[in-house]
């Protein structure tokens, strides 16, 4: 039963990832692209979490937490760059 549920989760997260990649490519503004990159980070954390549940190795949750930290810092850096760019 757990394999079916995790497979469904992988498929849904993959479809969401595909939709976000399309949004990044088509996004009219830089802010849309930054938001898309942040969303990809969140989806990647979800994939890592589902993989941790499926494999039974919860070491992957540490990797997800590290990725969340890096994703947060990169989003802040991109937002800061965007603010400096718009003020010039």
N, C-alpha and C. Protein backbone atom coordinates (compact mmCIF):
# COMPACT_ATOMS: atom_id res chain seq x y z
N UNK A 1 0.83 -1.20 0.00
CA UNK A 1 0.00 0.00 0.00
C UNK A 1 0.87 1.27 0.00
N UNK A 2 1.96 1.23 0.79
CA UNK A 2 2.82 2.41 0.88
C UNK A 2 3.51 2.69 -0.46
N UNK A 3 3.83 1.66 -1.22
CA UNK A 3 4.46 1.87 -2.53
C UNK A 3 3.50 2.56 -3.50
N UNK A 4 2.24 2.21 -3.44
CA UNK A 4 1.25 2.84 -4.32
C UNK A 4 1.10 4.32 -3.98
N UNK A 5 1.02 4.60 -2.69
CA UNK A 5 0.85 5.99 -2.26
C UNK A 5 2.07 6.82 -2.62
N UNK A 6 3.26 6.28 -2.37
CA UNK A 6 4.46 7.06 -2.70
C UNK A 6 4.64 7.21 -4.21
N UNK A 7 4.23 6.22 -4.98
CA UNK A 7 4.29 6.36 -6.44
C UNK A 7 3.36 7.46 -6.91
N UNK A 8 2.17 7.52 -6.36
CA UNK A 8 1.23 8.59 -6.70
C UNK A 8 1.81 9.94 -6.33
N UNK A 9 2.46 10.02 -5.16
CA UNK A 9 3.09 11.27 -4.73
C UNK A 9 4.21 11.68 -5.67
N UNK A 10 5.03 10.71 -6.09
CA UNK A 10 6.10 11.02 -7.04
C UNK A 10 5.54 11.55 -8.35
N UNK A 11 4.48 10.94 -8.84
CA UNK A 11 3.87 11.38 -10.11
C UNK A 11 3.32 12.79 -9.97
N UNK A 12 2.61 13.06 -8.89
CA UNK A 12 2.03 14.40 -8.70
C UNK A 12 3.11 15.46 -8.51
N UNK A 13 4.15 15.13 -7.75
CA UNK A 13 5.25 16.08 -7.57
C UNK A 13 5.99 16.30 -8.88
N UNK A 14 6.14 15.27 -9.68
CA UNK A 14 6.77 15.41 -10.99
C UNK A 14 5.97 16.29 -11.93
N UNK A 15 4.65 16.11 -11.92
CA UNK A 15 3.79 16.97 -12.75
C UNK A 15 3.85 18.42 -12.29
N UNK A 16 3.87 18.62 -11.00
CA UNK A 16 3.99 19.98 -10.46
C UNK A 16 5.33 20.59 -10.86
N UNK A 17 6.38 19.78 -10.82
CA UNK A 17 7.70 20.25 -11.22
C UNK A 17 7.70 20.66 -12.70
N UNK A 18 7.05 19.88 -13.53
CA UNK A 18 6.96 20.20 -14.96
C UNK A 18 6.20 21.51 -15.17
N UNK A 19 5.12 21.70 -14.43
CA UNK A 19 4.36 22.94 -14.55
C UNK A 19 5.18 24.15 -14.13
N UNK A 20 5.98 23.99 -13.10
CA UNK A 20 6.81 25.10 -12.63
C UNK A 20 7.92 25.41 -13.64
N UNK A 21 8.48 24.39 -14.26
CA UNK A 21 9.52 24.62 -15.27
C UNK A 21 8.93 25.39 -16.45
N UNK A 22 7.72 25.05 -16.84
CA UNK A 22 7.04 25.79 -17.90
C UNK A 22 6.84 27.24 -17.48
N UNK A 23 6.47 27.44 -16.22
CA UNK A 23 6.26 28.80 -15.71
C UNK A 23 7.56 29.59 -15.68
N UNK A 24 8.66 28.92 -15.35
CA UNK A 24 9.95 29.62 -15.34
C UNK A 24 10.34 30.03 -16.76
N UNK A 25 10.11 29.17 -17.71
CA UNK A 25 10.46 29.48 -19.10
C UNK A 25 9.58 30.59 -19.65
N UNK A 26 8.28 30.54 -19.35
CA UNK A 26 7.34 31.51 -19.91
C UNK A 26 7.17 32.76 -19.06
N UNK A 27 7.68 32.72 -17.82
CA UNK A 27 7.43 33.83 -16.89
C UNK A 27 7.82 35.17 -17.45
N UNK A 28 6.89 36.11 -17.43
CA UNK A 28 7.19 37.39 -18.07
C UNK A 28 8.17 38.26 -17.28
N UNK A 29 8.25 38.09 -15.99
CA UNK A 29 9.13 38.94 -15.20
C UNK A 29 10.16 38.10 -14.46
N UNK A 30 11.18 38.78 -13.99
CA UNK A 30 12.22 38.11 -13.21
C UNK A 30 11.67 37.62 -11.88
N UNK A 31 10.73 38.34 -11.31
CA UNK A 31 10.13 37.91 -10.04
C UNK A 31 9.39 36.59 -10.20
N UNK A 32 8.72 36.38 -11.33
CA UNK A 32 8.06 35.11 -11.59
C UNK A 32 9.06 33.97 -11.66
N UNK A 33 10.18 34.23 -12.27
CA UNK A 33 11.21 33.19 -12.37
C UNK A 33 11.83 32.87 -11.02
N UNK A 34 12.04 33.88 -10.19
CA UNK A 34 12.56 33.65 -8.85
C UNK A 34 11.58 32.84 -8.03
N UNK A 35 10.31 33.17 -8.12
CA UNK A 35 9.28 32.41 -7.41
C UNK A 35 9.22 30.97 -7.91
N UNK A 36 9.41 30.78 -9.21
CA UNK A 36 9.44 29.43 -9.77
C UNK A 36 10.61 28.62 -9.24
N UNK A 37 11.78 29.24 -9.12
CA UNK A 37 12.93 28.54 -8.56
C UNK A 37 12.70 28.15 -7.10
N UNK A 38 12.06 29.04 -6.36
CA UNK A 38 11.73 28.72 -4.97
C UNK A 38 10.73 27.57 -4.90
N UNK A 39 9.78 27.55 -5.80
CA UNK A 39 8.80 26.46 -5.84
C UNK A 39 9.46 25.14 -6.20
N UNK A 40 10.43 25.18 -7.11
CA UNK A 40 11.16 23.95 -7.45
C UNK A 40 11.90 23.43 -6.23
N UNK A 41 12.45 24.32 -5.44
CA UNK A 41 13.14 23.90 -4.21
C UNK A 41 12.17 23.21 -3.26
N UNK A 42 11.00 23.78 -3.10
CA UNK A 42 10.00 23.18 -2.21
C UNK A 42 9.55 21.82 -2.74
N UNK A 43 9.36 21.71 -4.04
CA UNK A 43 8.97 20.42 -4.62
C UNK A 43 10.09 19.39 -4.49
N UNK A 44 11.33 19.83 -4.63
CA UNK A 44 12.45 18.90 -4.44
C UNK A 44 12.51 18.41 -3.00
N UNK A 45 12.21 19.27 -2.06
CA UNK A 45 12.16 18.85 -0.66
C UNK A 45 11.04 17.83 -0.46
N UNK A 46 9.92 18.04 -1.13
CA UNK A 46 8.82 17.07 -1.06
C UNK A 46 9.22 15.72 -1.65
N UNK A 47 9.94 15.75 -2.76
CA UNK A 47 10.40 14.50 -3.38
C UNK A 47 11.37 13.78 -2.45
N UNK A 48 12.27 14.52 -1.82
CA UNK A 48 13.21 13.91 -0.88
C UNK A 48 12.45 13.31 0.31
N UNK A 49 11.43 14.02 0.79
CA UNK A 49 10.63 13.50 1.90
C UNK A 49 9.89 12.23 1.54
N UNK A 50 9.30 12.19 0.37
CA UNK A 50 8.59 10.99 -0.07
C UNK A 50 9.57 9.84 -0.26
N UNK A 51 10.74 10.14 -0.80
CA UNK A 51 11.76 9.10 -0.96
C UNK A 51 12.22 8.57 0.40
N UNK A 52 12.32 9.45 1.39
CA UNK A 52 12.72 9.01 2.73
C UNK A 52 11.67 8.07 3.32
N UNK A 53 10.41 8.38 3.12
CA UNK A 53 9.34 7.51 3.62
C UNK A 53 9.36 6.17 2.88
N UNK A 54 9.55 6.23 1.58
CA UNK A 54 9.52 5.00 0.79
C UNK A 54 10.69 4.08 1.10
N UNK A 55 11.88 4.66 1.27
CA UNK A 55 13.06 3.83 1.51
C UNK A 55 13.21 3.44 2.98
N UNK A 56 12.56 4.19 3.86
CA UNK A 56 12.68 3.90 5.29
C UNK A 56 13.94 4.47 5.91
N UNK A 57 14.71 5.19 5.15
CA UNK A 57 15.92 5.84 5.66
C UNK A 57 15.63 7.32 5.90
N UNK A 58 15.54 7.67 7.14
CA UNK A 58 15.17 9.04 7.46
C UNK A 58 16.37 9.98 7.51
N UNK A 59 17.51 9.48 7.06
CA UNK A 59 18.67 10.34 6.88
C UNK A 59 18.38 11.39 5.80
N UNK A 60 17.52 11.04 4.87
CA UNK A 60 17.18 11.95 3.79
C UNK A 60 16.44 13.20 4.29
N UNK A 61 15.83 13.11 5.45
CA UNK A 61 15.17 14.31 5.99
C UNK A 61 16.20 15.38 6.33
N UNK A 62 17.40 14.97 6.76
CA UNK A 62 18.47 15.94 7.00
C UNK A 62 18.87 16.63 5.71
N UNK A 63 18.91 15.88 4.63
CA UNK A 63 19.22 16.47 3.33
C UNK A 63 18.13 17.46 2.93
N UNK A 64 16.87 17.11 3.19
CA UNK A 64 15.76 18.02 2.90
C UNK A 64 15.84 19.30 3.70
N UNK A 65 16.22 19.18 4.97
CA UNK A 65 16.36 20.37 5.82
C UNK A 65 17.49 21.26 5.31
N UNK A 66 18.60 20.66 4.92
CA UNK A 66 19.71 21.44 4.37
C UNK A 66 19.30 22.14 3.07
N UNK A 67 18.57 21.43 2.23
CA UNK A 67 18.10 22.03 0.98
C UNK A 67 17.12 23.17 1.26
N UNK A 68 16.30 23.02 2.28
CA UNK A 68 15.37 24.10 2.64
C UNK A 68 16.14 25.35 3.09
N UNK A 69 17.20 25.16 3.83
CA UNK A 69 18.02 26.29 4.27
C UNK A 69 18.67 26.98 3.08
N UNK A 70 19.24 26.19 2.18
CA UNK A 70 19.89 26.76 1.00
C UNK A 70 18.85 27.46 0.11
N UNK A 71 17.68 26.85 -0.02
CA UNK A 71 16.62 27.47 -0.83
C UNK A 71 16.15 28.78 -0.25
N UNK A 72 16.02 28.84 1.07
CA UNK A 72 15.60 30.09 1.72
C UNK A 72 16.64 31.17 1.50
N UNK A 73 17.90 30.83 1.71
CA UNK A 73 18.96 31.83 1.54
C UNK A 73 19.07 32.30 0.10
N UNK A 74 18.89 31.41 -0.84
CA UNK A 74 18.97 31.83 -2.25
C UNK A 74 17.78 32.71 -2.63
N UNK A 75 16.61 32.41 -2.09
CA UNK A 75 15.45 33.26 -2.37
C UNK A 75 15.64 34.65 -1.80
N UNK A 76 16.19 34.73 -0.60
CA UNK A 76 16.47 36.04 0.00
C UNK A 76 17.50 36.80 -0.83
N UNK A 77 18.53 36.09 -1.30
CA UNK A 77 19.55 36.75 -2.11
C UNK A 77 18.98 37.24 -3.43
N UNK A 78 18.14 36.41 -4.08
CA UNK A 78 17.51 36.85 -5.33
C UNK A 78 16.58 38.04 -5.11
N UNK A 79 15.83 38.01 -4.03
CA UNK A 79 14.92 39.12 -3.74
C UNK A 79 15.71 40.41 -3.47
N UNK A 80 16.81 40.26 -2.77
CA UNK A 80 17.64 41.43 -2.49
C UNK A 80 18.22 42.00 -3.80
N UNK A 81 18.66 41.11 -4.68
CA UNK A 81 19.16 41.53 -5.98
C UNK A 81 18.06 42.25 -6.78
N UNK A 82 16.87 41.71 -6.71
CA UNK A 82 15.75 42.30 -7.44
C UNK A 82 15.41 43.69 -6.90
N UNK A 83 15.48 43.84 -5.59
CA UNK A 83 15.20 45.16 -4.99
C UNK A 83 16.28 46.17 -5.37
N UNK A 84 17.54 45.75 -5.36
CA UNK A 84 18.61 46.67 -5.73
C UNK A 84 18.53 47.04 -7.22
N UNK A 85 18.12 46.08 -8.02
CA UNK A 85 18.00 46.32 -9.46
C UNK A 85 16.86 47.31 -9.75
N UNK A 86 15.77 47.20 -9.01
CA UNK A 86 14.63 48.07 -9.27
C UNK A 86 14.84 49.48 -8.71
N UNK A 87 15.73 49.65 -7.74
CA UNK A 87 15.95 50.97 -7.16
C UNK A 87 16.89 51.82 -8.00
N UNK A 88 17.60 51.19 -8.94
CA UNK A 88 18.54 51.96 -9.78
C UNK A 88 17.86 52.65 -10.91
